[in-house]
Amino acid sequence: MGVWPDSGQSRILDWEIGPGPGEKAEDWERFLTRLEERGIRGERGLKLLISDGGSGLLSALEEVYFEAPHQRCIFHKLKNLWREIEIPDHLASQTQDKQKRYKRKLIREAGLIWQAKQKSTAIRRYLGFCRKWRKEQPEVVRTLRRGFRATLSFYDVQQEVKAQGHHWEARYLRTTSRLERFNRALRRKFRQVAVYHSVEGLSAAIHQIILEHQKAQNPF
């Protein structure tokens, strides 16, 4: 999915049905190469690549050169942090509701890192979070540190386009949430149908959902 922050519009640039199971680096590399060969790269206006932390995709991004910085999706980073939270001993006998409140508080605190207006402030918040939680939540801190630099790429892009007279909102640059919403539309359709009897039928269903997305983005 390509996103144009000046207008807020998005468009599905390409897609394919993977061989499965899982997402292999060689499949991603083939897919990304196709995008690059179509001219989607820095010299043609591409400013940022945003992805989750899937190992296959990250490996492929090291092989295909788009001439653009890479941004790790903050939503996926926070999901990974949530999974690593250990309930402390003093809450082990408490209700699940209290345990969830503890986890939500920690995640909200982590989320404040990327709500900073300046990159330098985000880094200070990151360092403070690591100092505060490294003993009580070592796996959370370790997960946060992994690939953290790539979660800050959007700050540099904002500064670059600001110098060119543009204002790009962070919500377009920090996550793949818009693509995830599109993927949920696909999954809803798949659950309704349950089984497709051919690849052609599946492809047609995907194509129809893409057309509906494009129409919603460009109603006129």
C-alpha atoms as a PDB file:
ATOM      1  CA  MET A   1       0.000   0.000   0.000  1.00  0.00           C
ATOM      2  CA  GLY A   2       1.259   3.441  -0.933  1.00  0.00           C
ATOM      3  CA  VAL A   3       0.227   6.448   1.165  1.00  0.00           C
ATOM      4  CA  TRP A   4       0.341  10.105   0.103  1.00  0.00           C
ATOM      5  CA  PRO A   5       0.580  12.133   3.362  1.00  0.00           C
ATOM      6  CA  ASP A   6      -0.197  15.458   1.668  1.00  0.00           C
ATOM      7  CA  SER A   7      -3.711  14.252   0.822  1.00  0.00           C
ATOM      8  CA  GLY A   8      -4.140  11.289   3.160  1.00  0.00           C
ATOM      9  CA  GLN A   9      -5.014   9.026   0.240  1.00  0.00           C
ATOM     10  CA  SER A  10      -3.723   5.492  -0.180  1.00  0.00           C
ATOM     11  CA  ARG A  11      -3.617   2.958  -2.978  1.00  0.00           C
ATOM     12  CA  ILE A  12      -2.808  -0.736  -3.246  1.00  0.00           C
ATOM     13  CA  LEU A  13       0.343  -0.748  -5.366  1.00  0.00           C
ATOM     14  CA  ASP A  14       0.720  -4.491  -5.807  1.00  0.00           C
ATOM     15  CA  TRP A  15      -0.185  -7.805  -4.239  1.00  0.00           C
ATOM     16  CA  GLU A  16       0.177 -11.532  -4.708  1.00  0.00           C
ATOM     17  CA  ILE A  17      -1.001 -14.760  -3.135  1.00  0.00           C
ATOM     18  CA  GLY A  18       2.002 -16.223  -1.343  1.00  0.00           C
ATOM     19  CA  PRO A  19       2.906 -19.912  -1.541  1.00  0.00           C
ATOM     20  CA  GLY A  20       2.804 -20.312   2.269  1.00  0.00           C
ATOM     21  CA  PRO A  21       3.099 -21.395   4.928  1.00  0.00           C
ATOM     22  CA  GLY A  22       4.696 -18.326   6.497  1.00  0.00           C
ATOM     23  CA  GLU A  23       6.449 -15.448   4.775  1.00  0.00           C
ATOM     24  CA  LYS A  24       9.828 -16.448   3.363  1.00  0.00           C
ATOM     25  CA  ALA A  25      12.608 -13.985   2.566  1.00  0.00           C
ATOM     26  CA  GLU A  26      12.916 -15.159  -1.049  1.00  0.00           C
ATOM     27  CA  ASP A  27       9.185 -14.581  -1.657  1.00  0.00           C
ATOM     28  CA  TRP A  28       9.397 -11.078  -0.195  1.00  0.00           C
ATOM     29  CA  GLU A  29      12.530 -10.352  -2.199  1.00  0.00           C
ATOM     30  CA  ARG A  30      10.768 -11.289  -5.446  1.00  0.00           C
ATOM     31  CA  PHE A  31       7.782  -9.128  -4.529  1.00  0.00           C
ATOM     32  CA  LEU A  32       9.869  -6.121  -3.474  1.00  0.00           C
ATOM     33  CA  THR A  33      12.050  -6.384  -6.572  1.00  0.00           C
ATOM     34  CA  ARG A  34       8.933  -6.120  -8.706  1.00  0.00           C
ATOM     35  CA  LEU A  35       7.951  -2.910  -6.918  1.00  0.00           C
ATOM     36  CA  GLU A  36      11.436  -1.432  -7.287  1.00  0.00           C
ATOM     37  CA  GLU A  37      11.571  -2.287 -10.976  1.00  0.00           C
ATOM     38  CA  ARG A  38       8.288  -0.430 -11.480  1.00  0.00           C
ATOM     39  CA  GLY A  39      10.006   2.737 -10.268  1.00  0.00           C
ATOM     40  CA  ILE A  40       8.981   2.818  -6.617  1.00  0.00           C
ATOM     41  CA  ARG A  41      12.218   4.182  -5.158  1.00  0.00           C
ATOM     42  CA  GLY A  42      13.772   7.279  -3.668  1.00  0.00           C
ATOM     43  CA  GLU A  43      14.671   9.029  -6.889  1.00  0.00           C
ATOM     44  CA  ARG A  44      11.011   8.860  -7.950  1.00  0.00           C
ATOM     45  CA  GLY A  45       9.673  10.370  -4.714  1.00  0.00           C
ATOM     46  CA  LEU A  46       9.575   7.466  -2.251  1.00  0.00           C
ATOM     47  CA  LYS A  47      10.367   8.920   1.192  1.00  0.00           C
ATOM     48  CA  LEU A  48       9.849   6.059   3.623  1.00  0.00           C
ATOM     49  CA  LEU A  49       9.290   2.302   3.804  1.00  0.00           C
ATOM     50  CA  ILE A  50       7.137   1.184   6.735  1.00  0.00           C
ATOM     51  CA  SER A  51       6.890  -2.464   7.763  1.00  0.00           C
ATOM     52  CA  ASP A  52       6.360  -4.772  10.692  1.00  0.00           C
ATOM     53  CA  GLY A  53       9.217  -6.799  12.143  1.00  0.00           C
ATOM     54  CA  GLY A  54       8.665 -10.012  10.164  1.00  0.00           C
ATOM     55  CA  SER A  55      12.041 -11.671   9.684  1.00  0.00           C
ATOM     56  CA  GLY A  56      11.433 -12.620   6.038  1.00  0.00           C
ATOM     57  CA  LEU A  57      10.484  -9.076   5.056  1.00  0.00           C
ATOM     58  CA  LEU A  58      13.368  -7.518   6.998  1.00  0.00           C
ATOM     59  CA  SER A  59      15.830  -9.860   5.296  1.00  0.00           C
ATOM     60  CA  ALA A  60      14.425  -8.976   1.868  1.00  0.00           C
ATOM     61  CA  LEU A  61      14.678  -5.252   2.597  1.00  0.00           C
ATOM     62  CA  GLU A  62      18.421  -5.722   3.082  1.00  0.00           C
ATOM     63  CA  GLU A  63      18.678  -7.066  -0.470  1.00  0.00           C
ATOM     64  CA  VAL A  64      16.349  -4.737  -2.384  1.00  0.00           C
ATOM     65  CA  TYR A  65      17.540  -1.116  -2.408  1.00  0.00           C
ATOM     66  CA  PHE A  66      14.731   1.437  -2.530  1.00  0.00           C
ATOM     67  CA  GLU A  67      16.875   4.500  -1.743  1.00  0.00           C
ATOM     68  CA  ALA A  68      14.583   5.326   1.176  1.00  0.00           C
ATOM     69  CA  PRO A  69      14.839   4.924   4.978  1.00  0.00           C
ATOM     70  CA  HIS A  70      13.016   2.126   6.747  1.00  0.00           C
ATOM     71  CA  GLN A  71      10.497   2.694   9.549  1.00  0.00           C
ATOM     72  CA  ARG A  72       9.466  -0.123  11.877  1.00  0.00           C
ATOM     73  CA  CYS A  73       5.750  -0.067  12.684  1.00  0.00           C
ATOM     74  CA  ILE A  74       5.241   1.276  16.204  1.00  0.00           C
ATOM     75  CA  PHE A  75       1.902  -0.517  16.618  1.00  0.00           C
ATOM     76  CA  HIS A  76       3.624  -3.861  16.045  1.00  0.00           C
ATOM     77  CA  LYS A  77       6.442  -2.861  18.380  1.00  0.00           C
ATOM     78  CA  LEU A  78       3.942  -2.154  21.153  1.00  0.00           C
ATOM     79  CA  LYS A  79       2.209  -5.487  20.493  1.00  0.00           C
ATOM     80  CA  ASN A  80       5.552  -7.226  20.902  1.00  0.00           C
ATOM     81  CA  LEU A  81       6.171  -5.380  24.165  1.00  0.00           C
ATOM     82  CA  TRP A  82       2.737  -6.427  25.460  1.00  0.00           C
ATOM     83  CA  ARG A  83       3.548 -10.090  24.844  1.00  0.00           C
ATOM     84  CA  GLU A  84       6.767  -9.835  26.844  1.00  0.00           C
ATOM     85  CA  ILE A  85       5.283  -8.290  29.989  1.00  0.00           C
ATOM     86  CA  GLU A  86       5.726 -10.451  33.084  1.00  0.00           C
ATOM     87  CA  ILE A  87       3.193 -10.014  35.879  1.00  0.00           C
ATOM     88  CA  PRO A  88       5.191  -9.116  39.033  1.00  0.00           C
ATOM     89  CA  ASP A  89       4.900 -11.293  42.117  1.00  0.00           C
ATOM     90  CA  HIS A  90       2.839  -8.768  44.088  1.00  0.00           C
ATOM     91  CA  LEU A  91       0.145  -8.934  41.380  1.00  0.00           C
ATOM     92  CA  ALA A  92       0.285 -12.676  40.713  1.00  0.00           C
ATOM     93  CA  SER A  93      -2.639 -13.389  43.063  1.00  0.00           C
ATOM     94  CA  GLN A  94      -4.663 -10.376  41.935  1.00  0.00           C
ATOM     95  CA  THR A  95      -7.560 -10.406  39.476  1.00  0.00           C
ATOM     96  CA  GLN A  96      -6.964 -10.463  35.739  1.00  0.00           C
ATOM     97  CA  ASP A  97      -8.441  -6.983  35.566  1.00  0.00           C
ATOM     98  CA  LYS A  98      -5.735  -5.593  37.861  1.00  0.00           C
ATOM     99  CA  GLN A  99      -3.056  -7.434  35.929  1.00  0.00           C
ATOM    100  CA  LYS A 100      -4.330  -5.959  32.664  1.00  0.00           C
ATOM    101  CA  ARG A 101      -4.329  -2.480  34.184  1.00  0.00           C
ATOM    102  CA  TYR A 102      -0.673  -2.980  35.066  1.00  0.00           C
ATOM    103  CA  LYS A 103       0.115  -4.037  31.502  1.00  0.00           C
ATOM    104  CA  ARG A 104      -1.881  -1.181  29.970  1.00  0.00           C
ATOM    105  CA  LYS A 105      -0.080   1.350  32.159  1.00  0.00           C
ATOM    106  CA  LEU A 106       3.286   0.038  31.018  1.00  0.00           C
ATOM    107  CA  ILE A 107       2.271   0.087  27.339  1.00  0.00           C
ATOM    108  CA  ARG A 108       0.886   3.620  27.619  1.00  0.00           C
ATOM    109  CA  GLU A 109       4.198   4.714  29.096  1.00  0.00           C
ATOM    110  CA  ALA A 110       6.079   3.054  26.242  1.00  0.00           C
ATOM    111  CA  GLY A 111       3.765   4.675  23.700  1.00  0.00           C
ATOM    112  CA  LEU A 112       4.677   8.131  25.002  1.00  0.00           C
ATOM    113  CA  ILE A 113       8.147   7.636  23.531  1.00  0.00           C
ATOM    114  CA  TRP A 114       6.864   8.126  19.977  1.00  0.00           C
ATOM    115  CA  GLN A 115       4.363  10.825  20.852  1.00  0.00           C
ATOM    116  CA  ALA A 116       7.242  13.221  21.442  1.00  0.00           C
ATOM    117  CA  LYS A 117       7.358  16.163  19.048  1.00  0.00           C
ATOM    118  CA  GLN A 118      11.124  15.957  18.671  1.00  0.00           C
ATOM    119  CA  LYS A 119      13.377  12.970  17.993  1.00  0.00           C
ATOM    120  CA  SER A 120      15.722  13.999  20.813  1.00  0.00           C
ATOM    121  CA  THR A 121      12.814  13.948  23.276  1.00  0.00           C
ATOM    122  CA  ALA A 122      11.782  10.495  22.068  1.00  0.00           C
ATOM    123  CA  ILE A 123      15.306   9.223  22.697  1.00  0.00           C
ATOM    124  CA  ARG A 124      15.334  10.684  26.225  1.00  0.00           C
ATOM    125  CA  ARG A 125      11.996   9.032  26.972  1.00  0.00           C
ATOM    126  CA  TYR A 126      13.306   5.758  25.580  1.00  0.00           C
ATOM    127  CA  LEU A 127      16.388   5.869  27.804  1.00  0.00           C
ATOM    128  CA  GLY A 128      14.270   6.758  30.824  1.00  0.00           C
ATOM    129  CA  PHE A 129      11.877   3.871  30.120  1.00  0.00           C
ATOM    130  CA  CYS A 130      14.772   1.419  29.842  1.00  0.00           C
ATOM    131  CA  ARG A 131      16.293   2.592  33.134  1.00  0.00           C
ATOM    132  CA  LYS A 132      12.942   2.377  34.931  1.00  0.00           C
ATOM    133  CA  TRP A 133      11.912  -1.084  33.715  1.00  0.00           C
ATOM    134  CA  ARG A 134      15.162  -2.976  33.042  1.00  0.00           C
ATOM    135  CA  LYS A 135      15.032  -4.878  36.357  1.00  0.00           C
ATOM    136  CA  GLU A 136      11.300  -5.510  36.657  1.00  0.00           C
ATOM    137  CA  GLN A 137      10.691  -6.132  32.926  1.00  0.00           C
ATOM    138  CA  PRO A 138      13.998  -7.159  31.306  1.00  0.00           C
ATOM    139  CA  GLU A 139      12.361  -8.862  28.298  1.00  0.00           C
ATOM    140  CA  VAL A 140      10.240  -5.806  27.583  1.00  0.00           C
ATOM    141  CA  VAL A 141      13.330  -3.600  27.610  1.00  0.00           C
ATOM    142  CA  ARG A 142      15.253  -6.063  25.436  1.00  0.00           C
ATOM    143  CA  THR A 143      12.413  -6.142  22.906  1.00  0.00           C
ATOM    144  CA  LEU A 144      12.167  -2.351  22.901  1.00  0.00           C
ATOM    145  CA  ARG A 145      15.888  -2.004  22.245  1.00  0.00           C
ATOM    146  CA  ARG A 146      15.781  -4.457  19.348  1.00  0.00           C
ATOM    147  CA  GLY A 147      15.466  -2.390  16.185  1.00  0.00           C
ATOM    148  CA  PHE A 148      14.585   0.748  18.149  1.00  0.00           C
ATOM    149  CA  ARG A 149      16.533   3.073  15.858  1.00  0.00           C
ATOM    150  CA  ALA A 150      14.280   2.092  12.937  1.00  0.00           C
ATOM    151  CA  THR A 151      11.203   3.197  14.910  1.00  0.00           C
ATOM    152  CA  LEU A 152      12.462   6.799  14.796  1.00  0.00           C
ATOM    153  CA  SER A 153      12.933   7.162  11.042  1.00  0.00           C
ATOM    154  CA  PHE A 154       9.691   9.109  10.645  1.00  0.00           C
ATOM    155  CA  TYR A 155      11.162  12.049  12.574  1.00  0.00           C
ATOM    156  CA  ASP A 156      13.875  12.505   9.953  1.00  0.00           C
ATOM    157  CA  VAL A 157      11.336  12.328   7.122  1.00  0.00           C
ATOM    158  CA  GLN A 158       9.165  14.939   8.810  1.00  0.00           C
ATOM    159  CA  GLN A 159      12.145  17.257   9.077  1.00  0.00           C
ATOM    160  CA  GLU A 160      13.091  16.694   5.442  1.00  0.00           C
ATOM    161  CA  VAL A 161       9.651  17.495   4.053  1.00  0.00           C
ATOM    162  CA  LYS A 162       9.232  20.424   6.456  1.00  0.00           C
ATOM    163  CA  ALA A 163      12.309  22.001   4.873  1.00  0.00           C
ATOM    164  CA  GLN A 164      10.485  21.635   1.534  1.00  0.00           C
ATOM    165  CA  GLY A 165       7.398  23.438   2.851  1.00  0.00           C
ATOM    166  CA  HIS A 166       5.261  20.391   3.659  1.00  0.00           C
ATOM    167  CA  HIS A 167       3.715  19.077   6.873  1.00  0.00           C
ATOM    168  CA  TRP A 168       3.302  15.327   7.093  1.00  0.00           C
ATOM    169  CA  GLU A 169       1.377  14.067  10.094  1.00  0.00           C
ATOM    170  CA  ALA A 170       3.068  11.330  12.120  1.00  0.00           C
ATOM    171  CA  ARG A 171       0.013   9.065  11.844  1.00  0.00           C
ATOM    172  CA  TYR A 172       0.843   8.477   8.183  1.00  0.00           C
ATOM    173  CA  LEU A 173       4.480   7.663   8.916  1.00  0.00           C
ATOM    174  CA  ARG A 174       4.695   5.601  12.107  1.00  0.00           C
ATOM    175  CA  THR A 175       2.618   2.485  11.486  1.00  0.00           C
ATOM    176  CA  THR A 176       1.149   0.080   8.960  1.00  0.00           C
ATOM    177  CA  SER A 177      -2.274   0.421  10.646  1.00  0.00           C
ATOM    178  CA  ARG A 178      -3.999   1.535   7.442  1.00  0.00           C
ATOM    179  CA  LEU A 179      -2.761  -1.570   5.654  1.00  0.00           C
ATOM    180  CA  GLU A 180      -3.824  -3.708   8.625  1.00  0.00           C
ATOM    181  CA  ARG A 181      -7.360  -2.312   8.329  1.00  0.00           C
ATOM    182  CA  PHE A 182      -7.390  -3.265   4.662  1.00  0.00           C
ATOM    183  CA  ASN A 183      -6.173  -6.762   5.579  1.00  0.00           C
ATOM    184  CA  ARG A 184      -9.030  -7.081   8.071  1.00  0.00           C
ATOM    185  CA  ALA A 185     -11.468  -6.376   5.244  1.00  0.00           C
ATOM    186  CA  LEU A 186      -9.884  -9.246   3.328  1.00  0.00           C
ATOM    187  CA  ARG A 187     -10.163 -11.587   6.307  1.00  0.00           C
ATOM    188  CA  ARG A 188     -13.846 -10.700   6.827  1.00  0.00           C
ATOM    189  CA  LYS A 189     -14.537 -11.596   3.205  1.00  0.00           C
ATOM    190  CA  PHE A 190     -12.629 -14.859   3.506  1.00  0.00           C
ATOM    191  CA  ARG A 191     -14.569 -15.859   6.636  1.00  0.00           C
ATOM    192  CA  GLN A 192     -17.863 -15.176   4.872  1.00  0.00           C
ATOM    193  CA  VAL A 193     -16.971 -17.377   1.936  1.00  0.00           C
ATOM    194  CA  ALA A 194     -15.045 -19.993   3.971  1.00  0.00           C
ATOM    195  CA  VAL A 195     -13.609 -21.818   0.932  1.00  0.00           C
ATOM    196  CA  TYR A 196     -12.561 -20.705  -2.539  1.00  0.00           C
ATOM    197  CA  HIS A 197     -12.543 -23.478  -5.121  1.00  0.00           C
ATOM    198  CA  SER A 198      -9.828 -21.917  -7.276  1.00  0.00           C
ATOM    199  CA  VAL A 199      -6.984 -19.442  -7.136  1.00  0.00           C
ATOM    200  CA  GLU A 200      -8.833 -17.463  -9.788  1.00  0.00           C
ATOM    201  CA  GLY A 201     -11.876 -17.114  -7.525  1.00  0.00           C
ATOM    202  CA  LEU A 202      -9.710 -15.984  -4.619  1.00  0.00           C
ATOM    203  CA  SER A 203      -7.889 -13.498  -6.860  1.00  0.00           C
ATOM    204  CA  ALA A 204     -11.172 -12.076  -8.104  1.00  0.00           C
ATOM    205  CA  ALA A 205     -12.389 -11.551  -4.530  1.00  0.00           C
ATOM    206  CA  ILE A 206      -9.172  -9.749  -3.587  1.00  0.00           C
ATOM    207  CA  HIS A 207      -9.369  -7.603  -6.707  1.00  0.00           C
ATOM    208  CA  GLN A 208     -12.933  -6.588  -5.869  1.00  0.00           C
ATOM    209  CA  ILE A 209     -11.962  -5.501  -2.354  1.00  0.00           C
ATOM    210  CA  ILE A 210      -9.068  -3.493  -3.803  1.00  0.00           C
ATOM    211  CA  LEU A 211     -11.463  -1.742  -6.208  1.00  0.00           C
ATOM    212  CA  GLU A 212     -13.771  -0.891  -3.302  1.00  0.00           C
ATOM    213  CA  HIS A 213     -10.819   0.543  -1.384  1.00  0.00           C
ATOM    214  CA  GLN A 214      -9.718   2.651  -4.336  1.00  0.00           C
ATOM    215  CA  LYS A 215     -13.253   3.951  -4.865  1.00  0.00           C
ATOM    216  CA  ALA A 216     -13.494   4.953  -1.201  1.00  0.00           C
ATOM    217  CA  GLN A 217     -10.194   6.801  -1.524  1.00  0.00           C
ATOM    218  CA  ASN A 218     -11.205   8.528  -4.773  1.00  0.00           C
ATOM    219  CA  PRO A 219     -15.030   8.845  -4.688  1.00  0.00           C
ATOM    220  CA  PHE A 220     -15.138  11.158  -7.717  1.00  0.00           C
END
